[in-house]
Amino acid sequence: MSENALVKLLSYILPSEFNEYFDLTDVKEEERGVEKILHLYLHEKNIQPDGHTELSPNGFYPESCINHFPLNEHRTVLHVCRRRWKDGVGKTYSRDWELTAKGTRHTKEFAAFLKEFLGYIPDYSQITPETVSHQG
């Protein structure tokens, strides 16, 4: 599969903020009993925050896990690594992302779907079990 085909496929699967500002770095499948989990690993691209041009890359913040729409009978967990930068005097900068629905660990789109379908947004339930951490 060409990189363009993968980028196009991801544009249908992931929310637009992820496609524009994050790179897919890995995909893993896990089985926990009868449950299948698809792990998508995303690292923020090296695009400096608006208004800054003289920043140096300074690693990533710890990974965050976010529930997203199930794909082909797999619960989908996005493992997101946000980038940080520093300036010449050592001050740290990062983008202020709002990737989850307020008060949840679900993408905004998935939370809106759950609210419409169920009438509320569950934190943890049979539909969206507790978010899997990268430590298992």
N, C-alpha and C. Protein backbone atom coordinates (compact mmCIF):
# COMPACT_ATOMS: atom_id res chain seq x y z
N MET A 1 0.86 -1.17 0.00
CA MET A 1 0.00 0.00 0.00
C MET A 1 0.90 1.23 0.00
N SER A 2 0.62 2.17 -0.88
CA SER A 2 1.45 3.37 -0.94
C SER A 2 1.13 4.28 0.25
N GLU A 3 2.07 5.16 0.55
CA GLU A 3 1.87 6.09 1.67
C GLU A 3 0.65 6.98 1.42
N ASN A 4 0.42 7.39 0.17
CA ASN A 4 -0.76 8.21 -0.14
C ASN A 4 -2.05 7.46 0.15
N ALA A 5 -2.10 6.17 -0.15
CA ALA A 5 -3.29 5.36 0.13
C ALA A 5 -3.51 5.25 1.63
N LEU A 6 -2.44 5.08 2.40
CA LEU A 6 -2.55 5.00 3.86
C LEU A 6 -3.05 6.32 4.43
N VAL A 7 -2.51 7.43 3.96
CA VAL A 7 -2.94 8.75 4.43
C VAL A 7 -4.42 8.96 4.11
N LYS A 8 -4.84 8.55 2.93
CA LYS A 8 -6.25 8.69 2.54
C LYS A 8 -7.14 7.83 3.43
N LEU A 9 -6.74 6.58 3.67
CA LEU A 9 -7.51 5.70 4.54
C LEU A 9 -7.62 6.29 5.95
N LEU A 10 -6.52 6.78 6.49
CA LEU A 10 -6.54 7.37 7.83
C LEU A 10 -7.45 8.60 7.90
N SER A 11 -7.57 9.33 6.80
CA SER A 11 -8.44 10.52 6.81
C SER A 11 -9.90 10.13 7.00
N TYR A 12 -10.26 8.89 6.66
CA TYR A 12 -11.63 8.42 6.89
C TYR A 12 -11.80 7.84 8.30
N ILE A 13 -10.73 7.40 8.90
CA ILE A 13 -10.80 6.73 10.20
C ILE A 13 -10.61 7.69 11.36
N LEU A 14 -9.66 8.61 11.24
CA LEU A 14 -9.31 9.48 12.35
C LEU A 14 -9.93 10.87 12.22
N PRO A 15 -10.17 11.54 13.36
CA PRO A 15 -10.63 12.94 13.31
C PRO A 15 -9.60 13.81 12.60
N SER A 16 -10.05 14.90 12.00
CA SER A 16 -9.19 15.73 11.15
C SER A 16 -7.95 16.26 11.87
N GLU A 17 -8.05 16.61 13.16
CA GLU A 17 -6.87 17.12 13.88
C GLU A 17 -5.74 16.10 13.89
N PHE A 18 -6.11 14.84 14.00
CA PHE A 18 -5.09 13.78 14.03
C PHE A 18 -4.41 13.64 12.68
N ASN A 19 -5.19 13.73 11.62
CA ASN A 19 -4.61 13.57 10.28
C ASN A 19 -3.67 14.71 9.93
N GLU A 20 -4.02 15.90 10.36
CA GLU A 20 -3.22 17.07 9.99
C GLU A 20 -1.96 17.23 10.84
N TYR A 21 -2.03 16.87 12.12
CA TYR A 21 -0.93 17.19 13.02
C TYR A 21 -0.22 15.99 13.65
N PHE A 22 -0.63 14.77 13.29
CA PHE A 22 -0.01 13.58 13.88
C PHE A 22 0.35 12.58 12.80
N ASP A 23 1.41 11.83 13.05
CA ASP A 23 1.82 10.74 12.17
C ASP A 23 1.50 9.43 12.85
N LEU A 24 0.98 8.48 12.08
CA LEU A 24 0.77 7.13 12.57
C LEU A 24 2.14 6.45 12.59
N THR A 25 2.57 6.00 13.79
CA THR A 25 3.90 5.41 13.91
C THR A 25 3.87 3.90 14.11
N ASP A 26 2.72 3.37 14.57
CA ASP A 26 2.65 1.93 14.78
C ASP A 26 1.19 1.51 14.92
N VAL A 27 0.92 0.25 14.64
CA VAL A 27 -0.40 -0.35 14.81
C VAL A 27 -0.18 -1.71 15.44
N LYS A 28 -0.92 -2.00 16.53
CA LYS A 28 -0.80 -3.30 17.18
C LYS A 28 -2.20 -3.82 17.47
N GLU A 29 -2.33 -5.12 17.44
CA GLU A 29 -3.59 -5.78 17.78
C GLU A 29 -3.37 -6.58 19.05
N GLU A 30 -4.37 -6.55 19.92
CA GLU A 30 -4.29 -7.28 21.19
C GLU A 30 -5.60 -8.02 21.40
N GLU A 31 -5.51 -9.19 21.99
CA GLU A 31 -6.70 -9.92 22.39
C GLU A 31 -6.66 -10.11 23.89
N ARG A 32 -7.74 -9.69 24.55
CA ARG A 32 -7.91 -9.88 25.99
C ARG A 32 -9.14 -10.76 26.16
N GLY A 33 -8.95 -12.02 26.27
CA GLY A 33 -10.08 -12.95 26.29
C GLY A 33 -10.78 -12.88 24.95
N VAL A 34 -12.07 -12.54 24.96
CA VAL A 34 -12.82 -12.44 23.70
C VAL A 34 -12.74 -11.03 23.10
N GLU A 35 -12.22 -10.08 23.88
CA GLU A 35 -12.15 -8.70 23.39
C GLU A 35 -10.92 -8.50 22.50
N LYS A 36 -11.15 -7.85 21.36
CA LYS A 36 -10.06 -7.50 20.45
C LYS A 36 -9.85 -5.99 20.54
N ILE A 37 -8.59 -5.59 20.65
CA ILE A 37 -8.26 -4.17 20.78
C ILE A 37 -7.27 -3.80 19.69
N LEU A 38 -7.56 -2.72 18.99
CA LEU A 38 -6.65 -2.17 17.99
C LEU A 38 -5.99 -0.94 18.59
N HIS A 39 -4.67 -0.95 18.65
CA HIS A 39 -3.91 0.17 19.20
C HIS A 39 -3.28 0.93 18.04
N LEU A 40 -3.60 2.21 17.92
CA LEU A 40 -3.00 3.09 16.91
C LEU A 40 -2.11 4.08 17.64
N TYR A 41 -0.84 4.11 17.27
CA TYR A 41 0.14 4.98 17.92
C TYR A 41 0.39 6.20 17.04
N LEU A 42 0.19 7.38 17.64
CA LEU A 42 0.29 8.64 16.90
C LEU A 42 1.26 9.58 17.60
N HIS A 43 2.22 10.12 16.83
CA HIS A 43 3.16 11.11 17.35
C HIS A 43 2.92 12.43 16.65
N GLU A 44 2.91 13.50 17.44
CA GLU A 44 2.69 14.83 16.87
C GLU A 44 3.83 15.17 15.91
N LYS A 45 3.46 15.73 14.77
CA LYS A 45 4.45 16.14 13.78
C LYS A 45 5.30 17.30 14.32
N ASN A 46 6.48 17.46 13.77
CA ASN A 46 7.37 18.54 14.21
C ASN A 46 7.00 19.85 13.50
N ILE A 47 5.81 20.34 13.81
CA ILE A 47 5.32 21.62 13.29
C ILE A 47 5.23 22.55 14.49
N GLN A 48 6.09 23.57 14.53
CA GLN A 48 6.15 24.43 15.69
C GLN A 48 4.83 25.16 15.93
N PRO A 49 4.51 25.43 17.21
CA PRO A 49 3.29 26.17 17.53
C PRO A 49 3.25 27.52 16.81
N ASP A 50 2.04 27.98 16.50
CA ASP A 50 1.86 29.25 15.79
C ASP A 50 2.63 30.38 16.45
N GLY A 51 3.25 31.22 15.63
CA GLY A 51 3.97 32.38 16.12
C GLY A 51 5.39 32.10 16.55
N HIS A 52 5.84 30.87 16.42
CA HIS A 52 7.19 30.51 16.85
C HIS A 52 7.95 29.90 15.67
N THR A 53 9.20 30.33 15.51
CA THR A 53 10.02 29.79 14.43
C THR A 53 11.41 29.35 14.91
N GLU A 54 11.79 29.75 16.12
CA GLU A 54 13.13 29.47 16.61
C GLU A 54 13.14 28.46 17.75
N LEU A 55 12.22 27.52 17.74
CA LEU A 55 12.15 26.53 18.81
C LEU A 55 12.88 25.25 18.40
N SER A 56 13.40 24.57 19.39
CA SER A 56 14.08 23.28 19.17
C SER A 56 13.21 22.16 19.70
N PRO A 57 13.17 21.02 19.01
CA PRO A 57 12.42 19.88 19.54
C PRO A 57 12.95 19.49 20.92
N ASN A 58 12.03 19.13 21.82
CA ASN A 58 12.41 18.78 23.19
C ASN A 58 11.66 17.54 23.65
N GLY A 59 11.56 16.55 22.77
CA GLY A 59 10.94 15.29 23.14
C GLY A 59 9.42 15.33 23.13
N PHE A 60 8.82 14.37 23.85
CA PHE A 60 7.37 14.21 23.89
C PHE A 60 6.90 14.14 25.33
N TYR A 61 5.66 14.54 25.55
CA TYR A 61 5.01 14.31 26.84
C TYR A 61 4.67 12.83 26.95
N PRO A 62 4.36 12.36 28.15
CA PRO A 62 3.95 10.95 28.27
C PRO A 62 2.70 10.68 27.41
N GLU A 63 2.61 9.49 26.92
CA GLU A 63 1.52 9.06 26.04
C GLU A 63 0.16 9.17 26.73
N SER A 64 -0.84 9.61 25.97
CA SER A 64 -2.23 9.62 26.43
C SER A 64 -3.01 8.62 25.61
N CYS A 65 -3.96 7.94 26.24
CA CYS A 65 -4.79 6.96 25.54
C CYS A 65 -6.21 7.49 25.42
N ILE A 66 -6.76 7.39 24.22
CA ILE A 66 -8.09 7.92 23.93
C ILE A 66 -8.89 6.86 23.20
N ASN A 67 -10.13 6.60 23.67
CA ASN A 67 -11.03 5.67 22.99
C ASN A 67 -11.58 6.32 21.73
N HIS A 68 -11.70 5.54 20.68
CA HIS A 68 -12.26 6.00 19.41
C HIS A 68 -13.25 4.96 18.92
N PHE A 69 -13.92 5.23 17.82
CA PHE A 69 -14.90 4.30 17.26
C PHE A 69 -14.29 2.91 17.06
N PRO A 70 -15.05 1.86 17.40
CA PRO A 70 -14.57 0.51 17.11
C PRO A 70 -14.40 0.32 15.60
N LEU A 71 -13.41 -0.47 15.23
CA LEU A 71 -13.14 -0.79 13.83
C LEU A 71 -13.15 -2.30 13.64
N ASN A 72 -14.05 -2.77 12.82
CA ASN A 72 -14.09 -4.19 12.45
C ASN A 72 -14.00 -5.10 13.68
N GLU A 73 -14.91 -4.89 14.63
CA GLU A 73 -15.00 -5.68 15.85
C GLU A 73 -13.83 -5.51 16.80
N HIS A 74 -13.04 -4.45 16.63
CA HIS A 74 -11.93 -4.16 17.52
C HIS A 74 -12.22 -2.84 18.24
N ARG A 75 -12.10 -2.87 19.57
CA ARG A 75 -12.13 -1.61 20.30
C ARG A 75 -10.87 -0.85 19.87
N THR A 76 -11.00 0.42 19.60
CA THR A 76 -9.87 1.20 19.08
C THR A 76 -9.38 2.18 20.13
N VAL A 77 -8.09 2.12 20.41
CA VAL A 77 -7.46 3.01 21.37
C VAL A 77 -6.35 3.77 20.64
N LEU A 78 -6.44 5.10 20.71
CA LEU A 78 -5.41 5.95 20.12
C LEU A 78 -4.39 6.27 21.21
N HIS A 79 -3.13 5.98 20.93
CA HIS A 79 -2.04 6.28 21.86
C HIS A 79 -1.36 7.54 21.29
N VAL A 80 -1.57 8.66 21.95
CA VAL A 80 -1.16 9.95 21.42
C VAL A 80 0.03 10.50 22.19
N CYS A 81 1.10 10.81 21.46
CA CYS A 81 2.28 11.44 22.04
C CYS A 81 2.35 12.87 21.53
N ARG A 82 2.15 13.82 22.46
CA ARG A 82 2.23 15.24 22.10
C ARG A 82 3.68 15.70 22.20
N ARG A 83 4.09 16.53 21.27
CA ARG A 83 5.46 17.02 21.18
C ARG A 83 5.64 18.26 22.06
N ARG A 84 6.85 18.49 22.48
CA ARG A 84 7.17 19.75 23.15
C ARG A 84 8.44 20.32 22.53
N TRP A 85 8.56 21.64 22.63
CA TRP A 85 9.71 22.36 22.10
C TRP A 85 10.26 23.27 23.19
N LYS A 86 11.48 23.75 22.99
CA LYS A 86 12.05 24.73 23.93
C LYS A 86 12.70 25.84 23.14
N ASP A 87 12.74 27.01 23.77
CA ASP A 87 13.39 28.16 23.12
C ASP A 87 14.83 28.25 23.61
N GLY A 88 15.53 29.31 23.21
CA GLY A 88 16.94 29.48 23.53
C GLY A 88 17.24 29.61 25.01
N VAL A 89 16.26 30.04 25.80
CA VAL A 89 16.48 30.19 27.25
C VAL A 89 15.93 29.01 28.04
N GLY A 90 15.41 27.99 27.35
CA GLY A 90 14.94 26.78 28.01
C GLY A 90 13.46 26.74 28.34
N LYS A 91 12.70 27.77 27.93
CA LYS A 91 11.24 27.76 28.18
C LYS A 91 10.60 26.72 27.26
N THR A 92 9.67 25.93 27.81
CA THR A 92 9.02 24.85 27.07
C THR A 92 7.71 25.33 26.45
N TYR A 93 7.47 24.89 25.22
CA TYR A 93 6.24 25.23 24.48
C TYR A 93 5.61 23.94 23.96
N SER A 94 4.28 23.98 23.82
CA SER A 94 3.55 22.89 23.20
C SER A 94 2.22 23.43 22.69
N ARG A 95 1.57 22.64 21.86
CA ARG A 95 0.23 23.02 21.39
C ARG A 95 -0.79 22.62 22.46
N ASP A 96 -1.86 23.38 22.53
CA ASP A 96 -2.94 23.08 23.45
C ASP A 96 -4.04 22.36 22.68
N TRP A 97 -3.98 21.03 22.68
CA TRP A 97 -4.93 20.22 21.93
C TRP A 97 -6.18 19.95 22.75
N GLU A 98 -7.32 19.93 22.10
CA GLU A 98 -8.57 19.48 22.71
C GLU A 98 -9.03 18.28 21.89
N LEU A 99 -8.41 17.15 22.16
CA LEU A 99 -8.65 15.95 21.36
C LEU A 99 -9.76 15.08 21.93
N THR A 100 -10.14 15.30 23.19
CA THR A 100 -11.17 14.49 23.82
C THR A 100 -12.38 15.33 24.19
N ALA A 101 -13.52 14.68 24.32
CA ALA A 101 -14.72 15.34 24.82
C ALA A 101 -14.49 15.65 26.30
N LYS A 102 -14.94 16.79 26.73
CA LYS A 102 -14.72 17.23 28.10
C LYS A 102 -15.18 16.18 29.11
N GLY A 103 -14.31 15.86 30.04
CA GLY A 103 -14.63 14.91 31.10
C GLY A 103 -14.57 13.45 30.70
N THR A 104 -14.05 13.15 29.51
CA THR A 104 -13.99 11.77 29.04
C THR A 104 -12.60 11.46 28.51
N ARG A 105 -12.39 10.21 28.15
CA ARG A 105 -11.20 9.77 27.43
C ARG A 105 -11.62 9.24 26.07
N HIS A 106 -12.64 9.90 25.45
CA HIS A 106 -13.15 9.54 24.14
C HIS A 106 -12.88 10.69 23.17
N THR A 107 -12.65 10.36 21.90
CA THR A 107 -12.57 11.44 20.91
C THR A 107 -13.90 12.19 20.92
N LYS A 108 -13.86 13.46 20.52
CA LYS A 108 -15.08 14.27 20.51
C LYS A 108 -16.16 13.63 19.66
N GLU A 109 -15.78 13.08 18.51
CA GLU A 109 -16.74 12.47 17.59
C GLU A 109 -17.37 11.23 18.19
N PHE A 110 -16.57 10.40 18.85
CA PHE A 110 -17.08 9.17 19.45
C PHE A 110 -18.00 9.51 20.62
N ALA A 111 -17.62 10.50 21.43
CA ALA A 111 -18.47 10.91 22.55
C ALA A 111 -19.81 11.45 22.05
N ALA A 112 -19.80 12.23 20.97
CA ALA A 112 -21.05 12.75 20.41
C ALA A 112 -21.95 11.61 19.93
N PHE A 113 -21.36 10.61 19.29
CA PHE A 113 -22.11 9.44 18.85
C PHE A 113 -22.73 8.72 20.04
N LEU A 114 -21.93 8.48 21.09
CA LEU A 114 -22.44 7.78 22.27
C LEU A 114 -23.57 8.57 22.94
N LYS A 115 -23.42 9.89 22.99
CA LYS A 115 -24.46 10.71 23.61
C LYS A 115 -25.76 10.62 22.81
N GLU A 116 -25.65 10.64 21.49
CA GLU A 116 -26.85 10.54 20.66
C GLU A 116 -27.45 9.14 20.76
N PHE A 117 -26.63 8.12 20.76
CA PHE A 117 -27.10 6.74 20.78
C PHE A 117 -27.67 6.34 22.14
N LEU A 118 -26.94 6.71 23.22
CA LEU A 118 -27.33 6.29 24.56
C LEU A 118 -28.08 7.37 25.34
N GLY A 119 -27.94 8.61 24.92
CA GLY A 119 -28.53 9.71 25.67
C GLY A 119 -27.60 10.30 26.71
N TYR A 120 -26.42 9.72 26.84
CA TYR A 120 -25.40 10.22 27.77
C TYR A 120 -24.05 9.70 27.29
N ILE A 121 -22.99 10.24 27.86
CA ILE A 121 -21.65 9.79 27.50
C ILE A 121 -21.09 8.97 28.65
N PRO A 122 -20.98 7.67 28.48
CA PRO A 122 -20.44 6.85 29.58
C PRO A 122 -18.93 7.02 29.69
N ASP A 123 -18.45 7.05 30.93
CA ASP A 123 -17.00 7.05 31.11
C ASP A 123 -16.48 5.64 30.84
N TYR A 124 -17.08 4.66 31.49
CA TYR A 124 -16.67 3.28 31.33
C TYR A 124 -17.93 2.43 31.33
N SER A 125 -18.06 1.55 30.38
CA SER A 125 -19.23 0.67 30.30
C SER A 125 -18.90 -0.49 29.38
N GLN A 126 -19.89 -1.31 29.09
CA GLN A 126 -19.68 -2.41 28.17
C GLN A 126 -19.36 -1.91 26.77
N ILE A 127 -19.92 -0.73 26.41
CA ILE A 127 -19.66 -0.20 25.07
C ILE A 127 -18.26 0.39 24.99
N THR A 128 -17.84 1.08 26.03
CA THR A 128 -16.51 1.68 26.05
C THR A 128 -15.82 1.34 27.36
N PRO A 129 -15.29 0.13 27.48
CA PRO A 129 -14.61 -0.25 28.71
C PRO A 129 -13.46 0.70 29.03
N GLU A 130 -12.98 0.58 30.21
CA GLU A 130 -11.92 1.48 30.66
C GLU A 130 -10.81 1.58 29.62
N THR A 131 -10.34 2.79 29.41
CA THR A 131 -9.29 3.00 28.42
C THR A 131 -8.06 2.21 28.80
N VAL A 132 -7.49 1.58 27.83
CA VAL A 132 -6.30 0.77 28.01
C VAL A 132 -5.10 1.70 28.10
N SER A 133 -4.25 1.51 29.06
CA SER A 133 -3.03 2.29 29.12
C SER A 133 -1.95 1.59 28.30
N HIS A 134 -0.90 2.31 28.01
CA HIS A 134 0.18 1.71 27.24
C HIS A 134 0.92 0.65 28.04
N GLN A 135 0.67 0.60 29.34
CA GLN A 135 1.32 -0.40 30.17
C GLN A 135 0.50 -1.68 30.25
N GLY A 136 -0.66 -1.69 29.58
CA GLY A 136 -1.46 -2.90 29.55
C GLY A 136 -2.58 -2.83 30.50
